[in-house]
Each structure stands twice: as structure tokens, then as C-alpha cells.
Amino acid sequence: DAIAAAFPQLSGLKPARLWAGWIDSTPDAVP
């Protein structure tokens, strides 16, 4: 909905694939 509101030309987009992950982090966000 946010994409369609901001970019009317993309209002026809449909979801194709959905996934999630675990982002491994350090206290200062530097590896």
C-alpha cells in the first residue's frame, strides 16, 4: 500500500516470495 501510494506506477505489484532471517550483530555494529 505504501509503495502504491508513493509510486502509482507500481500499484500493480504483487508479492512473489516472502522470507525472514536472523541478522547477527555486535554491540558497535562493526564486524
All heavy atoms as atom14 arrays in JSON, in Angstrom:
{
  "sequence": "DAIAAAFPQLSGLKPARLWAGWIDSTPDAVP",
  "atom14_mask": [
    [1, 1, 1, 1, 1, 1, 1, 1, 0, 0, 0, 0, 0, 0],
    [1, 1, 1, 1, 1, 0, 0, 0, 0, 0, 0, 0, 0, 0],
    [1, 1, 1, 1, 1, 1, 1, 1, 0, 0, 0, 0, 0, 0],
    [1, 1, 1, 1, 1, 0, 0, 0, 0, 0, 0, 0, 0, 0],
    [1, 1, 1, 1, 1, 0, 0, 0, 0, 0, 0, 0, 0, 0],
    [1, 1, 1, 1, 1, 0, 0, 0, 0, 0, 0, 0, 0, 0],
    [1, 1, 1, 1, 1, 1, 1, 1, 1, 1, 1, 0, 0, 0],
    [1, 1, 1, 1, 1, 1, 1, 0, 0, 0, 0, 0, 0, 0],
    [1, 1, 1, 1, 1, 1, 1, 1, 1, 0, 0, 0, 0, 0],
    [1, 1, 1, 1, 1, 1, 1, 1, 0, 0, 0, 0, 0, 0],
    [1, 1, 1, 1, 1, 1, 0, 0, 0, 0, 0, 0, 0, 0],
    [1, 1, 1, 1, 0, 0, 0, 0, 0, 0, 0, 0, 0, 0],
    [1, 1, 1, 1, 1, 1, 1, 1, 0, 0, 0, 0, 0, 0],
    [1, 1, 1, 1, 1, 1, 1, 1, 1, 0, 0, 0, 0, 0],
    [1, 1, 1, 1, 1, 1, 1, 0, 0, 0, 0, 0, 0, 0],
    [1, 1, 1, 1, 1, 0, 0, 0, 0, 0, 0, 0, 0, 0],
    [1, 1, 1, 1, 1, 1, 1, 1, 1, 1, 1, 0, 0, 0],
    [1, 1, 1, 1, 1, 1, 1, 1, 0, 0, 0, 0, 0, 0],
    [1, 1, 1, 1, 1, 1, 1, 1, 1, 1, 1, 1, 1, 1],
    [1, 1, 1, 1, 1, 0, 0, 0, 0, 0, 0, 0, 0, 0],
    [1, 1, 1, 1, 0, 0, 0, 0, 0, 0, 0, 0, 0, 0],
    [1, 1, 1, 1, 1, 1, 1, 1, 1, 1, 1, 1, 1, 1],
    [1, 1, 1, 1, 1, 1, 1, 1, 0, 0, 0, 0, 0, 0],
    [1, 1, 1, 1, 1, 1, 1, 1, 0, 0, 0, 0, 0, 0],
    [1, 1, 1, 1, 1, 1, 0, 0, 0, 0, 0, 0, 0, 0],
    [1, 1, 1, 1, 1, 1, 1, 0, 0, 0, 0, 0, 0, 0],
    [1, 1, 1, 1, 1, 1, 1, 0, 0, 0, 0, 0, 0, 0],
    [1, 1, 1, 1, 1, 1, 1, 1, 0, 0, 0, 0, 0, 0],
    [1, 1, 1, 1, 1, 0, 0, 0, 0, 0, 0, 0, 0, 0],
    [1, 1, 1, 1, 1, 1, 1, 0, 0, 0, 0, 0, 0, 0],
    [1, 1, 1, 1, 1, 1, 1, 0, 0, 0, 0, 0, 0, 0]
  ],
  "atom14_positions": [
    [[0.83, -1.2, 0.0], [0.0, 0.0, 0.0], [0.86, 1.26, 0.0], [0.56, 2.23, -0.71], [-0.93, 0.0, 1.23], [-1.99, -1.08, 1.16], [-2.22, -1.63, 0.06], [-2.58, -1.39, 2.22], [0.0, 0.0, 0.0], [0.0, 0.0, 0.0], [0.0, 0.0, 0.0], [0.0, 0.0, 0.0], [0.0, 0.0, 0.0], [0.0, 0.0, 0.0]],
    [[1.95, 1.22, 0.79], [2.86, 2.37, 0.84], [3.55, 2.58, -0.5], [3.73, 3.72, -0.95], [3.89, 2.18, 1.95], [0.0, 0.0, 0.0], [0.0, 0.0, 0.0], [0.0, 0.0, 0.0], [0.0, 0.0, 0.0], [0.0, 0.0, 0.0], [0.0, 0.0, 0.0], [0.0, 0.0, 0.0], [0.0, 0.0, 0.0], [0.0, 0.0, 0.0]],
    [[3.92, 1.48, -1.16], [4.55, 1.59, -2.48], [3.57, 2.19, -3.48], [3.92, 3.09, -4.26], [5.03, 0.2, -2.95], [6.19, -0.29, -2.08], [5.46, 0.26, -4.42], [6.56, -1.74, -2.32], [0.0, 0.0, 0.0], [0.0, 0.0, 0.0], [0.0, 0.0, 0.0], [0.0, 0.0, 0.0], [0.0, 0.0, 0.0], [0.0, 0.0, 0.0]],
    [[2.34, 1.69, -3.48], [1.34, 2.18, -4.43], [1.03, 3.65, -4.21], [0.81, 4.41, -5.15], [0.07, 1.35, -4.32], [0.0, 0.0, 0.0], [0.0, 0.0, 0.0], [0.0, 0.0, 0.0], [0.0, 0.0, 0.0], [0.0, 0.0, 0.0], [0.0, 0.0, 0.0], [0.0, 0.0, 0.0], [0.0, 0.0, 0.0], [0.0, 0.0, 0.0]],
    [[1.03, 4.09, -2.92], [0.76, 5.49, -2.62], [1.9, 6.39, -3.08], [1.68, 7.49, -3.6], [0.51, 5.66, -1.13], [0.0, 0.0, 0.0], [0.0, 0.0, 0.0], [0.0, 0.0, 0.0], [0.0, 0.0, 0.0], [0.0, 0.0, 0.0], [0.0, 0.0, 0.0], [0.0, 0.0, 0.0], [0.0, 0.0, 0.0], [0.0, 0.0, 0.0]],
    [[3.13, 5.9, -2.89], [4.29, 6.72, -3.25], [4.61, 6.64, -4.73], [4.99, 7.64, -5.35], [5.5, 6.27, -2.43], [0.0, 0.0, 0.0], [0.0, 0.0, 0.0], [0.0, 0.0, 0.0], [0.0, 0.0, 0.0], [0.0, 0.0, 0.0], [0.0, 0.0, 0.0], [0.0, 0.0, 0.0], [0.0, 0.0, 0.0], [0.0, 0.0, 0.0]],
    [[4.46, 5.44, -5.31], [4.8, 5.2, -6.71], [3.56, 4.64, -7.42], [3.42, 3.41, -7.53], [5.95, 4.2, -6.84], [7.22, 4.59, -6.15], [7.47, 4.19, -4.84], [8.19, 5.34, -6.82], [8.65, 4.53, -4.21], [9.38, 5.69, -6.19], [9.61, 5.29, -4.89], [0.0, 0.0, 0.0], [0.0, 0.0, 0.0], [0.0, 0.0, 0.0]],
    [[2.64, 5.47, -7.88], [1.41, 4.95, -8.51], [1.69, 3.99, -9.66], [0.9, 3.06, -9.9], [0.72, 6.23, -9.01], [1.23, 7.31, -8.11], [2.65, 6.94, -7.8], [0.0, 0.0, 0.0], [0.0, 0.0, 0.0], [0.0, 0.0, 0.0], [0.0, 0.0, 0.0], [0.0, 0.0, 0.0], [0.0, 0.0, 0.0], [0.0, 0.0, 0.0]],
    [[2.81, 4.17, -10.35], [3.14, 3.29, -11.46], [3.44, 1.86, -11.0], [3.48, 0.94, -11.82], [4.31, 3.85, -12.28], [5.62, 4.0, -11.51], [5.77, 5.33, -10.79], [4.89, 5.73, -10.04], [6.89, 6.0, -11.02], [0.0, 0.0, 0.0], [0.0, 0.0, 0.0], [0.0, 0.0, 0.0], [0.0, 0.0, 0.0], [0.0, 0.0, 0.0]],
    [[3.63, 1.66, -9.68], [3.92, 0.32, -9.14], [2.71, -0.26, -8.4], [2.84, -1.24, -7.67], [5.12, 0.39, -8.18], [6.45, 0.81, -8.8], [7.56, 0.81, -7.73], [6.84, -0.1, -9.96], [0.0, 0.0, 0.0], [0.0, 0.0, 0.0], [0.0, 0.0, 0.0], [0.0, 0.0, 0.0], [0.0, 0.0, 0.0], [0.0, 0.0, 0.0]],
    [[1.55, 0.31, -8.61], [0.37, -0.14, -7.87], [-0.05, -1.56, -8.23], [-0.81, -2.19, -7.49], [-0.8, 0.81, -8.11], [-1.12, 0.87, -9.5], [0.0, 0.0, 0.0], [0.0, 0.0, 0.0], [0.0, 0.0, 0.0], [0.0, 0.0, 0.0], [0.0, 0.0, 0.0], [0.0, 0.0, 0.0], [0.0, 0.0, 0.0], [0.0, 0.0, 0.0]],
    [[0.46, -2.1, -9.35], [0.11, -3.46, -9.73], [1.04, -4.53, -9.19], [0.84, -5.72, -9.46], [0.0, 0.0, 0.0], [0.0, 0.0, 0.0], [0.0, 0.0, 0.0], [0.0, 0.0, 0.0], [0.0, 0.0, 0.0], [0.0, 0.0, 0.0], [0.0, 0.0, 0.0], [0.0, 0.0, 0.0], [0.0, 0.0, 0.0], [0.0, 0.0, 0.0]],
    [[2.03, -4.16, -8.4], [2.96, -5.17, -7.86], [2.24, -6.14, -6.94], [1.37, -5.75, -6.14], [4.09, -4.48, -7.08], [5.12, -3.67, -7.86], [6.17, -3.13, -6.9], [5.79, -4.5, -8.95], [0.0, 0.0, 0.0], [0.0, 0.0, 0.0], [0.0, 0.0, 0.0], [0.0, 0.0, 0.0], [0.0, 0.0, 0.0], [0.0, 0.0, 0.0]],
    [[2.63, -7.41, -7.04], [2.11, -8.45, -6.16], [3.28, -9.1, -5.42], [4.4, -9.17, -5.95], [1.36, -9.52, -6.95], [0.21, -8.98, -7.79], [-0.9, -8.42, -6.93], [-2.07, -7.96, -7.79], [-3.13, -7.31, -6.99], [0.0, 0.0, 0.0], [0.0, 0.0, 0.0], [0.0, 0.0, 0.0], [0.0, 0.0, 0.0], [0.0, 0.0, 0.0]],
    [[3.06, -9.63, -4.22], [4.13, -10.36, -3.54], [4.4, -11.68, -4.25], [3.47, -12.37, -4.67], [3.58, -10.57, -2.14], [2.09, -10.51, -2.29], [1.83, -9.55, -3.41], [0.0, 0.0, 0.0], [0.0, 0.0, 0.0], [0.0, 0.0, 0.0], [0.0, 0.0, 0.0], [0.0, 0.0, 0.0], [0.0, 0.0, 0.0], [0.0, 0.0, 0.0]],
    [[5.67, -12.02, -4.4], [6.05, -13.27, -5.05], [6.68, -14.25, -4.06], [6.35, -15.44, -4.06], [7.02, -12.99, -6.19], [0.0, 0.0, 0.0], [0.0, 0.0, 0.0], [0.0, 0.0, 0.0], [0.0, 0.0, 0.0], [0.0, 0.0, 0.0], [0.0, 0.0, 0.0], [0.0, 0.0, 0.0], [0.0, 0.0, 0.0], [0.0, 0.0, 0.0]],
    [[7.6, -13.77, -3.23], [8.27, -14.63, -2.25], [8.46, -13.83, -0.96], [8.76, -12.64, -0.99], [9.64, -15.1, -2.77], [9.58, -15.92, -4.04], [10.96, -16.42, -4.46], [11.95, -15.36, -4.59], [12.07, -14.58, -5.65], [11.26, -14.74, -6.7], [12.99, -13.64, -5.71], [0.0, 0.0, 0.0], [0.0, 0.0, 0.0], [0.0, 0.0, 0.0]],
    [[8.33, -14.51, 0.15], [8.44, -13.89, 1.47], [9.39, -14.72, 2.31], [9.3, -15.94, 2.33], [7.05, -13.84, 2.13], [6.98, -13.4, 3.59], [7.23, -11.9, 3.72], [5.61, -13.76, 4.18], [0.0, 0.0, 0.0], [0.0, 0.0, 0.0], [0.0, 0.0, 0.0], [0.0, 0.0, 0.0], [0.0, 0.0, 0.0], [0.0, 0.0, 0.0]],
    [[10.3, -14.07, 3.02], [11.21, -14.81, 3.89], [11.72, -13.92, 5.0], [11.49, -12.71, 5.01], [12.38, -15.41, 3.09], [13.3, -14.4, 2.47], [14.45, -13.89, 3.02], [13.17, -13.77, 1.19], [15.04, -13.0, 2.15], [14.28, -12.91, 1.03], [12.23, -13.87, 0.16], [14.46, -12.14, -0.13], [12.41, -13.1, -0.98], [13.52, -12.26, -1.12]],
    [[12.41, -14.52, 5.93], [12.98, -13.78, 7.07], [14.36, -14.34, 7.37], [14.74, -15.41, 6.91], [12.08, -13.9, 8.29], [0.0, 0.0, 0.0], [0.0, 0.0, 0.0], [0.0, 0.0, 0.0], [0.0, 0.0, 0.0], [0.0, 0.0, 0.0], [0.0, 0.0, 0.0], [0.0, 0.0, 0.0], [0.0, 0.0, 0.0], [0.0, 0.0, 0.0]],
    [[15.11, -13.59, 8.14], [16.45, -14.02, 8.54], [16.81, -13.48, 9.9], [16.1, -12.65, 10.48], [0.0, 0.0, 0.0], [0.0, 0.0, 0.0], [0.0, 0.0, 0.0], [0.0, 0.0, 0.0], [0.0, 0.0, 0.0], [0.0, 0.0, 0.0], [0.0, 0.0, 0.0], [0.0, 0.0, 0.0], [0.0, 0.0, 0.0], [0.0, 0.0, 0.0]],
    [[17.91, -14.0, 10.4], [18.45, -13.54, 11.68], [19.74, -12.77, 11.4], [20.7, -13.32, 10.87], [18.74, -14.71, 12.61], [17.51, -15.36, 13.16], [16.97, -16.55, 12.77], [16.66, -14.86, 14.19], [15.84, -16.82, 13.49], [15.61, -15.8, 14.38], [16.66, -13.7, 14.98], [14.61, -15.62, 15.32], [15.65, -13.52, 15.91], [14.65, -14.48, 16.07]],
    [[19.75, -11.49, 11.73], [20.91, -10.62, 11.48], [21.83, -10.68, 12.69], [21.46, -10.24, 13.79], [20.44, -9.17, 11.24], [19.51, -9.1, 10.02], [21.64, -8.24, 11.06], [18.82, -7.76, 9.87], [0.0, 0.0, 0.0], [0.0, 0.0, 0.0], [0.0, 0.0, 0.0], [0.0, 0.0, 0.0], [0.0, 0.0, 0.0], [0.0, 0.0, 0.0]],
    [[23.02, -11.23, 12.52], [23.95, -11.34, 13.64], [24.67, -10.01, 13.82], [25.21, -9.44, 12.89], [24.93, -12.48, 13.45], [25.87, -12.29, 12.28], [25.38, -12.15, 11.14], [27.09, -12.26, 12.51], [0.0, 0.0, 0.0], [0.0, 0.0, 0.0], [0.0, 0.0, 0.0], [0.0, 0.0, 0.0], [0.0, 0.0, 0.0], [0.0, 0.0, 0.0]],
    [[24.65, -9.51, 15.06], [25.13, -8.16, 15.33], [26.14, -8.15, 16.46], [26.16, -9.03, 17.33], [23.95, -7.26, 15.71], [22.98, -7.23, 14.68], [0.0, 0.0, 0.0], [0.0, 0.0, 0.0], [0.0, 0.0, 0.0], [0.0, 0.0, 0.0], [0.0, 0.0, 0.0], [0.0, 0.0, 0.0], [0.0, 0.0, 0.0], [0.0, 0.0, 0.0]],
    [[26.98, -7.1, 16.46], [27.9, -6.82, 17.55], [27.43, -5.55, 18.26], [26.61, -4.8, 17.73], [29.33, -6.63, 17.04], [29.36, -5.47, 16.19], [29.82, -7.85, 16.28], [0.0, 0.0, 0.0], [0.0, 0.0, 0.0], [0.0, 0.0, 0.0], [0.0, 0.0, 0.0], [0.0, 0.0, 0.0], [0.0, 0.0, 0.0], [0.0, 0.0, 0.0]],
    [[27.95, -5.27, 19.46], [27.49, -4.08, 20.19], [27.71, -2.77, 19.46], [26.94, -1.82, 19.65], [28.29, -4.14, 21.49], [28.56, -5.59, 21.7], [28.79, -6.14, 20.31], [0.0, 0.0, 0.0], [0.0, 0.0, 0.0], [0.0, 0.0, 0.0], [0.0, 0.0, 0.0], [0.0, 0.0, 0.0], [0.0, 0.0, 0.0], [0.0, 0.0, 0.0]],
    [[28.75, -2.66, 18.64], [29.0, -1.41, 17.92], [28.65, -1.51, 16.44], [28.94, -0.6, 15.66], [30.45, -0.95, 18.09], [31.47, -1.96, 17.57], [31.07, -3.04, 17.08], [32.68, -1.67, 17.64], [0.0, 0.0, 0.0], [0.0, 0.0, 0.0], [0.0, 0.0, 0.0], [0.0, 0.0, 0.0], [0.0, 0.0, 0.0], [0.0, 0.0, 0.0]],
    [[28.01, -2.62, 16.04], [27.55, -2.84, 14.65], [28.69, -2.84, 13.65], [28.49, -2.58, 12.47], [26.49, -1.82, 14.25], [0.0, 0.0, 0.0], [0.0, 0.0, 0.0], [0.0, 0.0, 0.0], [0.0, 0.0, 0.0], [0.0, 0.0, 0.0], [0.0, 0.0, 0.0], [0.0, 0.0, 0.0], [0.0, 0.0, 0.0], [0.0, 0.0, 0.0]],
    [[29.89, -3.15, 14.09], [31.06, -3.3, 13.23], [31.52, -4.75, 13.37], [31.55, -5.29, 14.48], [32.18, -2.31, 13.63], [33.48, -2.62, 12.91], [31.73, -0.88, 13.33], [0.0, 0.0, 0.0], [0.0, 0.0, 0.0], [0.0, 0.0, 0.0], [0.0, 0.0, 0.0], [0.0, 0.0, 0.0], [0.0, 0.0, 0.0], [0.0, 0.0, 0.0]],
    [[31.89, -5.41, 12.28], [32.21, -6.83, 12.36], [33.51, -7.12, 13.1], [34.35, -6.22, 13.31], [32.33, -7.25, 10.89], [32.69, -5.99, 10.17], [31.96, -4.9, 10.89], [0.0, 0.0, 0.0], [0.0, 0.0, 0.0], [0.0, 0.0, 0.0], [0.0, 0.0, 0.0], [0.0, 0.0, 0.0], [0.0, 0.0, 0.0], [0.0, 0.0, 0.0]]
  ]
}
